[in-house]
Amino acid sequence: MASKQQVRASHILIKHEGSQRKASWNDPDCRIISATTRDVAVPELCSLRDNITSGRTHFEEVTSRYSHCSYAKRGGDLGDLGRGQMQKPFEDATFSLKVGEMSDIVDTDGVHIILRTS
């Protein structure tokens, strides 16, 4: 069970040309990521978020198809996370969410939406 200093979260990550590590499990040659700007990645992620919140699709389905993170194979589940383990914007967003709540766009090394699961 997560303490006040731990949360459990899942996320969807869309990398773009400004990401430090461009390779991903579904774009190992970095062709798509290198050709994607942040200005393209954000609306794409917003559209995916809208599809989830409207019930047209499920978070895990979107994650497994579109997320550039290797955790996509686990539905985006990052497991239990404590303070100091994440990049600051990700940590701040994750800890500010209520259980079951999904974030707006969060910028780190790419753009994310985060779902707090506990």
PDB file of N, CA and C in Angstrom:
ATOM      1  N   MET A   1       0.845  -1.184   0.000  1.00  0.00           N
ATOM      2  CA  MET A   1       0.000   0.000   0.000  1.00  0.00           C
ATOM      3  C   MET A   1       0.889   1.245   0.000  1.00  0.00           C
ATOM      4  N   ALA A   2       0.518   2.225  -0.799  1.00  0.00           N
ATOM      5  CA  ALA A   2       1.338   3.424  -0.926  1.00  0.00           C
ATOM      6  C   ALA A   2       1.177   4.317   0.308  1.00  0.00           C
ATOM      7  N   SER A   3       2.300   4.827   0.796  1.00  0.00           N
ATOM      8  CA  SER A   3       2.259   5.779   1.906  1.00  0.00           C
ATOM      9  C   SER A   3       2.096   7.175   1.342  1.00  0.00           C
ATOM     10  N   LYS A   4       2.053   8.178   2.230  1.00  0.00           N
ATOM     11  CA  LYS A   4       1.948   9.555   1.761  1.00  0.00           C
ATOM     12  C   LYS A   4       3.174   9.971   0.964  1.00  0.00           C
ATOM     13  N   GLN A   5       4.295   9.259   1.181  1.00  0.00           N
ATOM     14  CA  GLN A   5       5.511   9.567   0.451  1.00  0.00           C
ATOM     15  C   GLN A   5       5.700   8.662  -0.759  1.00  0.00           C
ATOM     16  N   GLN A   6       4.703   7.810  -1.043  1.00  0.00           N
ATOM     17  CA  GLN A   6       4.736   6.960  -2.216  1.00  0.00           C
ATOM     18  C   GLN A   6       3.395   7.019  -2.918  1.00  0.00           C
ATOM     19  N   VAL A   7       3.456   6.915  -4.216  1.00  0.00           N
ATOM     20  CA  VAL A   7       2.257   6.820  -5.040  1.00  0.00           C
ATOM     21  C   VAL A   7       2.486   5.704  -6.047  1.00  0.00           C
ATOM     22  N   ARG A   8       1.432   5.261  -6.636  1.00  0.00           N
ATOM     23  CA  ARG A   8       1.532   4.324  -7.751  1.00  0.00           C
ATOM     24  C   ARG A   8       0.901   5.024  -8.938  1.00  0.00           C
ATOM     25  N   ALA A   9       1.568   4.935 -10.077  1.00  0.00           N
ATOM     26  CA  ALA A   9       1.081   5.658 -11.240  1.00  0.00           C
ATOM     27  C   ALA A   9       1.407   4.909 -12.529  1.00  0.00           C
ATOM     28  N   SER A  10       0.645   5.229 -13.538  1.00  0.00           N
ATOM     29  CA  SER A  10       0.891   4.776 -14.904  1.00  0.00           C
ATOM     30  C   SER A  10       1.013   6.024 -15.759  1.00  0.00           C
ATOM     31  N   HIS A  11       1.652   5.884 -16.905  1.00  0.00           N
ATOM     32  CA  HIS A  11       1.766   7.065 -17.768  1.00  0.00           C
ATOM     33  C   HIS A  11       1.820   6.675 -19.231  1.00  0.00           C
ATOM     34  N   ILE A  12       1.562   7.657 -20.053  1.00  0.00           N
ATOM     35  CA  ILE A  12       1.760   7.564 -21.497  1.00  0.00           C
ATOM     36  C   ILE A  12       2.788   8.624 -21.834  1.00  0.00           C
ATOM     37  N   LEU A  13       3.843   8.229 -22.530  1.00  0.00           N
ATOM     38  CA  LEU A  13       4.931   9.131 -22.909  1.00  0.00           C
ATOM     39  C   LEU A  13       4.997   9.242 -24.416  1.00  0.00           C
ATOM     40  N   ILE A  14       4.995  10.456 -24.910  1.00  0.00           N
ATOM     41  CA  ILE A  14       5.261  10.728 -26.322  1.00  0.00           C
ATOM     42  C   ILE A  14       6.562  11.516 -26.381  1.00  0.00           C
ATOM     43  N   LYS A  15       7.575  10.900 -26.960  1.00  0.00           N
ATOM     44  CA  LYS A  15       8.860  11.589 -27.123  1.00  0.00           C
ATOM     45  C   LYS A  15       8.814  12.448 -28.374  1.00  0.00           C
ATOM     46  N   HIS A  16       9.729  13.409 -28.448  1.00  0.00           N
ATOM     47  CA  HIS A  16       9.830  14.290 -29.614  1.00  0.00           C
ATOM     48  C   HIS A  16      11.285  14.625 -29.856  1.00  0.00           C
ATOM     49  N   GLU A  17      11.543  15.417 -30.871  1.00  0.00           N
ATOM     50  CA  GLU A  17      12.919  15.718 -31.270  1.00  0.00           C
ATOM     51  C   GLU A  17      13.755  16.323 -30.142  1.00  0.00           C
ATOM     52  N   GLY A  18      13.121  16.948 -29.171  1.00  0.00           N
ATOM     53  CA  GLY A  18      13.826  17.550 -28.049  1.00  0.00           C
ATOM     54  C   GLY A  18      14.126  16.581 -26.912  1.00  0.00           C
ATOM     55  N   SER A  19      13.666  15.354 -27.024  1.00  0.00           N
ATOM     56  CA  SER A  19      13.913  14.356 -25.986  1.00  0.00           C
ATOM     57  C   SER A  19      15.387  13.948 -26.002  1.00  0.00           C
ATOM     58  N   GLN A  20      15.940  13.758 -24.819  1.00  0.00           N
ATOM     59  CA  GLN A  20      17.353  13.395 -24.724  1.00  0.00           C
ATOM     60  C   GLN A  20      17.627  12.009 -25.288  1.00  0.00           C
ATOM     61  N   ARG A  21      16.819  11.042 -24.925  1.00  0.00           N
ATOM     62  CA  ARG A  21      16.979   9.673 -25.435  1.00  0.00           C
ATOM     63  C   ARG A  21      15.838   9.413 -26.395  1.00  0.00           C
ATOM     64  N   LYS A  22      16.139   9.459 -27.674  1.00  0.00           N
ATOM     65  CA  LYS A  22      15.079   9.368 -28.676  1.00  0.00           C
ATOM     66  C   LYS A  22      14.614   7.943 -28.963  1.00  0.00           C
ATOM     67  N   ALA A  23      15.438   6.943 -28.731  1.00  0.00           N
ATOM     68  CA  ALA A  23      15.027   5.568 -29.016  1.00  0.00           C
ATOM     69  C   ALA A  23      13.929   5.137 -28.054  1.00  0.00           C
ATOM     70  N   SER A  24      13.033   4.316 -28.543  1.00  0.00           N
ATOM     71  CA  SER A  24      11.994   3.744 -27.690  1.00  0.00           C
ATOM     72  C   SER A  24      11.700   2.340 -28.173  1.00  0.00           C
ATOM     73  N   TRP A  25      10.963   1.606 -27.366  1.00  0.00           N
ATOM     74  CA  TRP A  25      10.656   0.220 -27.714  1.00  0.00           C
ATOM     75  C   TRP A  25       9.891   0.124 -29.032  1.00  0.00           C
ATOM     76  N   ASN A  26       9.049   1.118 -29.346  1.00  0.00           N
ATOM     77  CA  ASN A  26       8.272   1.053 -30.582  1.00  0.00           C
ATOM     78  C   ASN A  26       8.819   1.961 -31.680  1.00  0.00           C
ATOM     79  N   ASP A  27       9.957   2.574 -31.448  1.00  0.00           N
ATOM     80  CA  ASP A  27      10.651   3.380 -32.466  1.00  0.00           C
ATOM     81  C   ASP A  27      12.158   3.274 -32.215  1.00  0.00           C
ATOM     82  N   PRO A  28      12.717   2.058 -32.308  1.00  0.00           N
ATOM     83  CA  PRO A  28      14.125   1.858 -31.939  1.00  0.00           C
ATOM     84  C   PRO A  28      15.104   2.639 -32.809  1.00  0.00           C
ATOM     85  N   ASP A  29      14.738   2.941 -34.051  1.00  0.00           N
ATOM     86  CA  ASP A  29      15.626   3.697 -34.933  1.00  0.00           C
ATOM     87  C   ASP A  29      15.407   5.204 -34.833  1.00  0.00           C
ATOM     88  N   CYS A  30      14.498   5.619 -33.992  1.00  0.00           N
ATOM     89  CA  CYS A  30      14.214   7.037 -33.706  1.00  0.00           C
ATOM     90  C   CYS A  30      13.688   7.811 -34.912  1.00  0.00           C
ATOM     91  N   ARG A  31      13.166   7.153 -35.894  1.00  0.00           N
ATOM     92  CA  ARG A  31      12.697   7.865 -37.093  1.00  0.00           C
ATOM     93  C   ARG A  31      11.472   8.726 -36.802  1.00  0.00           C
ATOM     94  N   ILE A  32      10.493   8.145 -36.113  1.00  0.00           N
ATOM     95  CA  ILE A  32       9.263   8.883 -35.817  1.00  0.00           C
ATOM     96  C   ILE A  32       9.551   9.974 -34.788  1.00  0.00           C
ATOM     97  N   ILE A  33      10.261   9.611 -33.738  1.00  0.00           N
ATOM     98  CA  ILE A  33      10.534  10.560 -32.660  1.00  0.00           C
ATOM     99  C   ILE A  33      11.372  11.732 -33.156  1.00  0.00           C
ATOM    100  N   SER A  34      12.389  11.461 -33.947  1.00  0.00           N
ATOM    101  CA  SER A  34      13.256  12.527 -34.460  1.00  0.00           C
ATOM    102  C   SER A  34      12.513  13.480 -35.384  1.00  0.00           C
ATOM    103  N   ALA A  35      11.442  13.004 -35.999  1.00  0.00           N
ATOM    104  CA  ALA A  35      10.668  13.836 -36.921  1.00  0.00           C
ATOM    105  C   ALA A  35       9.469  14.504 -36.250  1.00  0.00           C
ATOM    106  N   THR A  36       9.296  14.282 -34.954  1.00  0.00           N
ATOM    107  CA  THR A  36       8.152  14.827 -34.219  1.00  0.00           C
ATOM    108  C   THR A  36       8.592  15.999 -33.357  1.00  0.00           C
ATOM    109  N   THR A  37       7.938  17.127 -33.518  1.00  0.00           N
ATOM    110  CA  THR A  37       8.222  18.283 -32.671  1.00  0.00           C
ATOM    111  C   THR A  37       7.311  18.231 -31.441  1.00  0.00           C
ATOM    112  N   ARG A  38       7.648  19.005 -30.444  1.00  0.00           N
ATOM    113  CA  ARG A  38       6.788  19.106 -29.262  1.00  0.00           C
ATOM    114  C   ARG A  38       5.418  19.637 -29.673  1.00  0.00           C
ATOM    115  N   ASP A  39       5.401  20.564 -30.645  1.00  0.00           N
ATOM    116  CA  ASP A  39       4.142  21.150 -31.104  1.00  0.00           C
ATOM    117  C   ASP A  39       3.229  20.125 -31.778  1.00  0.00           C
ATOM    118  N   VAL A  40       3.778  19.030 -32.230  1.00  0.00           N
ATOM    119  CA  VAL A  40       2.990  17.934 -32.790  1.00  0.00           C
ATOM    120  C   VAL A  40       2.640  16.926 -31.698  1.00  0.00           C
ATOM    121  N   ALA A  41       3.587  16.659 -30.805  1.00  0.00           N
ATOM    122  CA  ALA A  41       3.390  15.655 -29.755  1.00  0.00           C
ATOM    123  C   ALA A  41       2.274  16.040 -28.781  1.00  0.00           C
ATOM    124  N   VAL A  42       2.211  17.308 -28.404  1.00  0.00           N
ATOM    125  CA  VAL A  42       1.212  17.736 -27.413  1.00  0.00           C
ATOM    126  C   VAL A  42      -0.217  17.535 -27.920  1.00  0.00           C
ATOM    127  N   PRO A  43      -0.583  18.009 -29.115  1.00  0.00           N
ATOM    128  CA  PRO A  43      -1.955  17.761 -29.572  1.00  0.00           C
ATOM    129  C   PRO A  43      -2.269  16.274 -29.754  1.00  0.00           C
ATOM    130  N   GLU A  44      -1.271  15.495 -30.158  1.00  0.00           N
ATOM    131  CA  GLU A  44      -1.469  14.049 -30.281  1.00  0.00           C
ATOM    132  C   GLU A  44      -1.814  13.449 -28.917  1.00  0.00           C
ATOM    133  N   LEU A  45      -1.057  13.837 -27.905  1.00  0.00           N
ATOM    134  CA  LEU A  45      -1.307  13.324 -26.562  1.00  0.00           C
ATOM    135  C   LEU A  45      -2.647  13.835 -26.019  1.00  0.00           C
ATOM    136  N   CYS A  46      -2.991  15.077 -26.304  1.00  0.00           N
ATOM    137  CA  CYS A  46      -4.295  15.619 -25.878  1.00  0.00           C
ATOM    138  C   CYS A  46      -5.442  14.833 -26.512  1.00  0.00           C
ATOM    139  N   SER A  47      -5.283  14.466 -27.768  1.00  0.00           N
ATOM    140  CA  SER A  47      -6.307  13.681 -28.454  1.00  0.00           C
ATOM    141  C   SER A  47      -6.447  12.298 -27.819  1.00  0.00           C
ATOM    142  N   LEU A  48      -5.316  11.678 -27.486  1.00  0.00           N
ATOM    143  CA  LEU A  48      -5.361  10.382 -26.817  1.00  0.00           C
ATOM    144  C   LEU A  48      -6.043  10.502 -25.457  1.00  0.00           C
ATOM    145  N   ARG A  49      -5.729  11.568 -24.725  1.00  0.00           N
ATOM    146  CA  ARG A  49      -6.342  11.798 -23.412  1.00  0.00           C
ATOM    147  C   ARG A  49      -7.849  11.974 -23.558  1.00  0.00           C
ATOM    148  N   ASP A  50      -8.271  12.747 -24.564  1.00  0.00           N
ATOM    149  CA  ASP A  50      -9.703  12.951 -24.807  1.00  0.00           C
ATOM    150  C   ASP A  50     -10.413  11.634 -25.101  1.00  0.00           C
ATOM    151  N   ASN A  51      -9.764  10.767 -25.878  1.00  0.00           N
ATOM    152  CA  ASN A  51     -10.361   9.463 -26.186  1.00  0.00           C
ATOM    153  C   ASN A  51     -10.520   8.615 -24.927  1.00  0.00           C
ATOM    154  N   ILE A  52      -9.585   8.732 -24.012  1.00  0.00           N
ATOM    155  CA  ILE A  52      -9.671   7.983 -22.750  1.00  0.00           C
ATOM    156  C   ILE A  52     -10.782   8.560 -21.870  1.00  0.00           C
ATOM    157  N   THR A  53     -10.771   9.877 -21.674  1.00  0.00           N
ATOM    158  CA  THR A  53     -11.753  10.491 -20.768  1.00  0.00           C
ATOM    159  C   THR A  53     -13.183  10.376 -21.293  1.00  0.00           C
ATOM    160  N   SER A  54     -13.345  10.292 -22.617  1.00  0.00           N
ATOM    161  CA  SER A  54     -14.688  10.144 -23.187  1.00  0.00           C
ATOM    162  C   SER A  54     -15.171   8.700 -23.176  1.00  0.00           C
ATOM    163  N   GLY A  55     -14.267   7.775 -22.850  1.00  0.00           N
ATOM    164  CA  GLY A  55     -14.644   6.370 -22.803  1.00  0.00           C
ATOM    165  C   GLY A  55     -14.516   5.646 -24.131  1.00  0.00           C
ATOM    166  N   ARG A  56     -13.995   6.315 -25.163  1.00  0.00           N
ATOM    167  CA  ARG A  56     -13.832   5.662 -26.466  1.00  0.00           C
ATOM    168  C   ARG A  56     -12.746   4.594 -26.446  1.00  0.00           C
ATOM    169  N   THR A  57     -11.822   4.713 -25.514  1.00  0.00           N
ATOM    170  CA  THR A  57     -10.754   3.723 -25.371  1.00  0.00           C
ATOM    171  C   THR A  57     -10.307   3.702 -23.914  1.00  0.00           C
ATOM    172  N   HIS A  58      -9.463   2.752 -23.578  1.00  0.00           N
ATOM    173  CA  HIS A  58      -8.963   2.602 -22.217  1.00  0.00           C
ATOM    174  C   HIS A  58      -7.500   3.029 -22.141  1.00  0.00           C
ATOM    175  N   PHE A  59      -7.117   3.522 -20.986  1.00  0.00           N
ATOM    176  CA  PHE A  59      -5.758   4.004 -20.755  1.00  0.00           C
ATOM    177  C   PHE A  59      -4.724   2.954 -21.172  1.00  0.00           C
ATOM    178  N   GLU A  60      -4.913   1.723 -20.735  1.00  0.00           N
ATOM    179  CA  GLU A  60      -3.946   0.660 -21.010  1.00  0.00           C
ATOM    180  C   GLU A  60      -3.825   0.374 -22.503  1.00  0.00           C
ATOM    181  N   GLU A  61      -4.946   0.434 -23.230  1.00  0.00           N
ATOM    182  CA  GLU A  61      -4.918   0.205 -24.681  1.00  0.00           C
ATOM    183  C   GLU A  61      -4.111   1.290 -25.385  1.00  0.00           C
ATOM    184  N   VAL A  62      -4.361   2.533 -25.002  1.00  0.00           N
ATOM    185  CA  VAL A  62      -3.644   3.658 -25.607  1.00  0.00           C
ATOM    186  C   VAL A  62      -2.157   3.548 -25.300  1.00  0.00           C
ATOM    187  N   THR A  63      -1.854   3.223 -24.060  1.00  0.00           N
ATOM    188  CA  THR A  63      -0.456   3.101 -23.641  1.00  0.00           C
ATOM    189  C   THR A  63       0.267   2.055 -24.464  1.00  0.00           C
ATOM    190  N   SER A  64      -0.332   0.888 -24.598  1.00  0.00           N
ATOM    191  CA  SER A  64       0.351  -0.201 -25.300  1.00  0.00           C
ATOM    192  C   SER A  64       0.558   0.091 -26.784  1.00  0.00           C
ATOM    193  N   ARG A  65      -0.256   0.956 -27.352  1.00  0.00           N
ATOM    194  CA  ARG A  65      -0.101   1.290 -28.772  1.00  0.00           C
ATOM    195  C   ARG A  65       0.781   2.499 -29.026  1.00  0.00           C
ATOM    196  N   TYR A  66       0.697   3.515 -28.160  1.00  0.00           N
ATOM    197  CA  TYR A  66       1.299   4.804 -28.495  1.00  0.00           C
ATOM    198  C   TYR A  66       2.446   5.264 -27.608  1.00  0.00           C
ATOM    199  N   SER A  67       2.550   4.748 -26.404  1.00  0.00           N
ATOM    200  CA  SER A  67       3.568   5.253 -25.489  1.00  0.00           C
ATOM    201  C   SER A  67       4.963   4.839 -25.945  1.00  0.00           C
ATOM    202  N   HIS A  68       5.901   5.756 -25.807  1.00  0.00           N
ATOM    203  CA  HIS A  68       7.285   5.490 -26.171  1.00  0.00           C
ATOM    204  C   HIS A  68       8.092   4.931 -25.000  1.00  0.00           C
ATOM    205  N   CYS A  69       7.452   4.637 -23.913  1.00  0.00           N
ATOM    206  CA  CYS A  69       8.123   4.091 -22.732  1.00  0.00           C
ATOM    207  C   CYS A  69       8.025   2.569 -22.750  1.00  0.00           C
ATOM    208  N   SER A  70       9.077   1.899 -22.316  1.00  0.00           N
ATOM    209  CA  SER A  70       9.059   0.435 -22.281  1.00  0.00           C
ATOM    210  C   SER A  70       7.985  -0.105 -21.330  1.00  0.00           C
ATOM    211  N   TYR A  71       7.527   0.712 -20.385  1.00  0.00           N
ATOM    212  CA  TYR A  71       6.449   0.297 -19.479  1.00  0.00           C
ATOM    213  C   TYR A  71       5.107   0.204 -20.200  1.00  0.00           C
ATOM    214  N   ALA A  72       5.065   0.604 -21.444  1.00  0.00           N
ATOM    215  CA  ALA A  72       3.837   0.484 -22.233  1.00  0.00           C
ATOM    216  C   ALA A  72       3.363  -0.959 -22.279  1.00  0.00           C
ATOM    217  N   LYS A  73       4.293  -1.888 -22.249  1.00  0.00           N
ATOM    218  CA  LYS A  73       3.950  -3.309 -22.291  1.00  0.00           C
ATOM    219  C   LYS A  73       3.230  -3.748 -21.019  1.00  0.00           C
ATOM    220  N   ARG A  74       3.318  -2.922 -19.965  1.00  0.00           N
ATOM    221  CA  ARG A  74       2.621  -3.185 -18.690  1.00  0.00           C
ATOM    222  C   ARG A  74       1.465  -2.211 -18.503  1.00  0.00           C
ATOM    223  N   GLY A  75       0.948  -1.674 -19.585  1.00  0.00           N
ATOM    224  CA  GLY A  75      -0.145  -0.712 -19.488  1.00  0.00           C
ATOM    225  C   GLY A  75       0.295   0.624 -18.935  1.00  0.00           C
ATOM    226  N   GLY A  76       1.602   0.881 -18.969  1.00  0.00           N
ATOM    227  CA  GLY A  76       2.138   2.141 -18.465  1.00  0.00           C
ATOM    228  C   GLY A  76       2.404   2.139 -16.975  1.00  0.00           C
ATOM    229  N   ASP A  77       2.138   1.016 -16.299  1.00  0.00           N
ATOM    230  CA  ASP A  77       2.287   0.932 -14.835  1.00  0.00           C
ATOM    231  C   ASP A  77       3.749   1.085 -14.428  1.00  0.00           C
ATOM    232  N   LEU A  78       4.029   2.133 -13.679  1.00  0.00           N
ATOM    233  CA  LEU A  78       5.385   2.415 -13.203  1.00  0.00           C
ATOM    234  C   LEU A  78       5.654   1.833 -11.825  1.00  0.00           C
ATOM    235  N   GLY A  79       4.631   1.282 -11.202  1.00  0.00           N
ATOM    236  CA  GLY A  79       4.789   0.736  -9.856  1.00  0.00           C
ATOM    237  C   GLY A  79       4.754   1.838  -8.815  1.00  0.00           C
ATOM    238  N   ASP A  80       5.227   1.510  -7.620  1.00  0.00           N
ATOM    239  CA  ASP A  80       5.258   2.485  -6.527  1.00  0.00           C
ATOM    240  C   ASP A  80       6.426   3.435  -6.724  1.00  0.00           C
ATOM    241  N   LEU A  81       6.164   4.701  -6.531  1.00  0.00           N
ATOM    242  CA  LEU A  81       7.166   5.749  -6.736  1.00  0.00           C
ATOM    243  C   LEU A  81       7.247   6.625  -5.497  1.00  0.00           C
ATOM    244  N   GLY A  82       8.442   6.920  -5.078  1.00  0.00           N
ATOM    245  CA  GLY A  82       8.653   7.815  -3.954  1.00  0.00           C
ATOM    246  C   GLY A  82       9.212   9.145  -4.422  1.00  0.00           C
ATOM    247  N   ARG A  83       9.194  10.098  -3.532  1.00  0.00           N
ATOM    248  CA  ARG A  83       9.772  11.407  -3.858  1.00  0.00           C
ATOM    249  C   ARG A  83      11.263  11.250  -4.142  1.00  0.00           C
ATOM    250  N   GLY A  84      11.736  12.011  -5.118  1.00  0.00           N
ATOM    251  CA  GLY A  84      13.138  11.968  -5.496  1.00  0.00           C
ATOM    252  C   GLY A  84      13.469  10.907  -6.535  1.00  0.00           C
ATOM    253  N   GLN A  85      12.498  10.115  -6.951  1.00  0.00           N
ATOM    254  CA  GLN A  85      12.741   9.066  -7.939  1.00  0.00           C
ATOM    255  C   GLN A  85      12.397   9.507  -9.354  1.00  0.00           C
ATOM    256  N   MET A  86      11.694  10.609  -9.488  1.00  0.00           N
ATOM    257  CA  MET A  86      11.193  11.048 -10.780  1.00  0.00           C
ATOM    258  C   MET A  86      11.736  12.440 -11.085  1.00  0.00           C
ATOM    259  N   GLN A  87      11.635  12.817 -12.357  1.00  0.00           N
ATOM    260  CA  GLN A  87      11.951  14.196 -12.685  1.00  0.00           C
ATOM    261  C   GLN A  87      10.929  15.076 -11.983  1.00  0.00           C
ATOM    262  N   LYS A  88      11.359  16.248 -11.541  1.00  0.00           N
ATOM    263  CA  LYS A  88      10.547  17.122 -10.684  1.00  0.00           C
ATOM    264  C   LYS A  88       9.152  17.419 -11.248  1.00  0.00           C
ATOM    265  N   PRO A  89       9.005  17.792 -12.526  1.00  0.00           N
ATOM    266  CA  PRO A  89       7.645  18.059 -13.027  1.00  0.00           C
ATOM    267  C   PRO A  89       6.737  16.822 -12.960  1.00  0.00           C
ATOM    268  N   PHE A  90       7.310  15.651 -13.227  1.00  0.00           N
ATOM    269  CA  PHE A  90       6.550  14.412 -13.163  1.00  0.00           C
ATOM    270  C   PHE A  90       6.148  14.121 -11.720  1.00  0.00           C
ATOM    271  N   GLU A  91       7.097  14.272 -10.807  1.00  0.00           N
ATOM    272  CA  GLU A  91       6.831  14.047  -9.388  1.00  0.00           C
ATOM    273  C   GLU A  91       5.746  14.994  -8.877  1.00  0.00           C
ATOM    274  N   ASP A  92       5.881  16.275  -9.166  1.00  0.00           N
ATOM    275  CA  ASP A  92       4.900  17.257  -8.700  1.00  0.00           C
ATOM    276  C   ASP A  92       3.503  16.926  -9.209  1.00  0.00           C
ATOM    277  N   ALA A  93       3.414  16.581 -10.484  1.00  0.00           N
ATOM    278  CA  ALA A  93       2.107  16.258 -11.068  1.00  0.00           C
ATOM    279  C   ALA A  93       1.535  14.987 -10.444  1.00  0.00           C
ATOM    280  N   THR A  94       2.361  13.970 -10.304  1.00  0.00           N
ATOM    281  CA  THR A  94       1.900  12.687  -9.774  1.00  0.00           C
ATOM    282  C   THR A  94       1.390  12.820  -8.344  1.00  0.00           C
ATOM    283  N   PHE A  95       2.153  13.496  -7.505  1.00  0.00           N
ATOM    284  CA  PHE A  95       1.750  13.639  -6.101  1.00  0.00           C
ATOM    285  C   PHE A  95       0.561  14.584  -5.926  1.00  0.00           C
ATOM    286  N   SER A  96       0.289  15.433  -6.906  1.00  0.00           N
ATOM    287  CA  SER A  96      -0.850  16.345  -6.783  1.00  0.00           C
ATOM    288  C   SER A  96      -2.163  15.694  -7.224  1.00  0.00           C
ATOM    289  N   LEU A  97      -2.081  14.573  -7.917  1.00  0.00           N
ATOM    290  CA  LEU A  97      -3.289  13.888  -8.379  1.00  0.00           C
ATOM    291  C   LEU A  97      -3.940  13.089  -7.266  1.00  0.00           C
ATOM    292  N   LYS A  98      -5.246  12.958  -7.348  1.00  0.00           N
ATOM    293  CA  LYS A  98      -5.981  12.047  -6.477  1.00  0.00           C
ATOM    294  C   LYS A  98      -5.979  10.677  -7.148  1.00  0.00           C
ATOM    295  N   VAL A  99      -6.180   9.635  -6.369  1.00  0.00           N
ATOM    296  CA  VAL A  99      -6.248   8.285  -6.916  1.00  0.00           C
ATOM    297  C   VAL A  99      -7.361   8.238  -7.962  1.00  0.00           C
ATOM    298  N   GLY A 100      -7.037   7.708  -9.149  1.00  0.00           N
ATOM    299  CA  GLY A 100      -7.993   7.619 -10.252  1.00  0.00           C
ATOM    300  C   GLY A 100      -8.003   8.829 -11.159  1.00  0.00           C
ATOM    301  N   GLU A 101      -7.300   9.868 -10.777  1.00  0.00           N
ATOM    302  CA  GLU A 101      -7.277  11.107 -11.558  1.00  0.00           C
ATOM    303  C   GLU A 101      -6.145  11.071 -12.589  1.00  0.00           C
ATOM    304  N   MET A 102      -6.406  11.683 -13.744  1.00  0.00           N
ATOM    305  CA  MET A 102      -5.431  11.758 -14.819  1.00  0.00           C
ATOM    306  C   MET A 102      -4.956  13.201 -14.981  1.00  0.00           C
ATOM    307  N   SER A 103      -3.679  13.353 -15.217  1.00  0.00           N
ATOM    308  CA  SER A 103      -3.091  14.692 -15.351  1.00  0.00           C
ATOM    309  C   SER A 103      -3.381  15.292 -16.716  1.00  0.00           C
ATOM    310  N   ASP A 104      -3.129  16.584 -16.796  1.00  0.00           N
ATOM    311  CA  ASP A 104      -3.017  17.237 -18.090  1.00  0.00           C
ATOM    312  C   ASP A 104      -1.621  16.918 -18.605  1.00  0.00           C
ATOM    313  N   ILE A 105      -1.175  17.596 -19.615  1.00  0.00           N
ATOM    314  CA  ILE A 105       0.146  17.367 -20.195  1.00  0.00           C
ATOM    315  C   ILE A 105       1.234  17.750 -19.189  1.00  0.00           C
ATOM    316  N   VAL A 106       2.209  16.871 -19.033  1.00  0.00           N
ATOM    317  CA  VAL A 106       3.361  17.102 -18.160  1.00  0.00           C
ATOM    318  C   VAL A 106       4.612  16.998 -19.031  1.00  0.00           C
ATOM    319  N   ASP A 107       5.451  18.042 -18.983  1.00  0.00           N
ATOM    320  CA  ASP A 107       6.689  18.081 -19.765  1.00  0.00           C
ATOM    321  C   ASP A 107       7.871  17.596 -18.949  1.00  0.00           C
ATOM    322  N   THR A 108       8.598  16.633 -19.487  1.00  0.00           N
ATOM    323  CA  THR A 108       9.915  16.259 -18.969  1.00  0.00           C
ATOM    324  C   THR A 108      10.767  15.989 -20.201  1.00  0.00           C
ATOM    325  N   ASP A 109      11.280  14.799 -20.313  1.00  0.00           N
ATOM    326  CA  ASP A 109      12.021  14.382 -21.500  1.00  0.00           C
ATOM    327  C   ASP A 109      11.022  13.772 -22.483  1.00  0.00           C
ATOM    328  N   GLY A 110      10.109  14.585 -22.942  1.00  0.00           N
ATOM    329  CA  GLY A 110       8.957  14.174 -23.721  1.00  0.00           C
ATOM    330  C   GLY A 110       7.737  14.752 -23.033  1.00  0.00           C
ATOM    331  N   VAL A 111       6.565  14.359 -23.496  1.00  0.00           N
ATOM    332  CA  VAL A 111       5.328  14.816 -22.869  1.00  0.00           C
ATOM    333  C   VAL A 111       4.551  13.600 -22.379  1.00  0.00           C
ATOM    334  N   HIS A 112       3.921  13.750 -21.230  1.00  0.00           N
ATOM    335  CA  HIS A 112       3.235  12.636 -20.571  1.00  0.00           C
ATOM    336  C   HIS A 112       1.803  13.022 -20.213  1.00  0.00           C
ATOM    337  N   ILE A 113       0.971  11.991 -20.048  1.00  0.00           N
ATOM    338  CA  ILE A 113      -0.196  12.080 -19.190  1.00  0.00           C
ATOM    339  C   ILE A 113      -0.012  10.992 -18.148  1.00  0.00           C
ATOM    340  N   ILE A 114      -0.388  11.307 -16.941  1.00  0.00           N
ATOM    341  CA  ILE A 114      -0.156  10.429 -15.802  1.00  0.00           C
ATOM    342  C   ILE A 114      -1.495  10.060 -15.183  1.00  0.00           C
ATOM    343  N   LEU A 115      -1.644   8.797 -14.860  1.00  0.00           N
ATOM    344  CA  LEU A 115      -2.823   8.309 -14.157  1.00  0.00           C
ATOM    345  C   LEU A 115      -2.358   7.801 -12.803  1.00  0.00           C
ATOM    346  N   ARG A 116      -2.842   8.442 -11.741  1.00  0.00           N
ATOM    347  CA  ARG A 116      -2.474   7.969 -10.402  1.00  0.00           C
ATOM    348  C   ARG A 116      -3.382   6.806 -10.060  1.00  0.00           C
ATOM    349  N   THR A 117      -2.775   5.676  -9.691  1.00  0.00           N
ATOM    350  CA  THR A 117      -3.551   4.469  -9.430  1.00  0.00           C
ATOM    351  C   THR A 117      -3.640   4.111  -7.955  1.00  0.00           C
ATOM    352  N   SER A 118      -2.761   4.650  -7.114  1.00  0.00           N
ATOM    353  CA  SER A 118      -2.908   4.500  -5.664  1.00  0.00           C
ATOM    354  C   SER A 118      -2.026   5.504  -4.958  1.00  0.00           C
TER     355      SER A 118
END
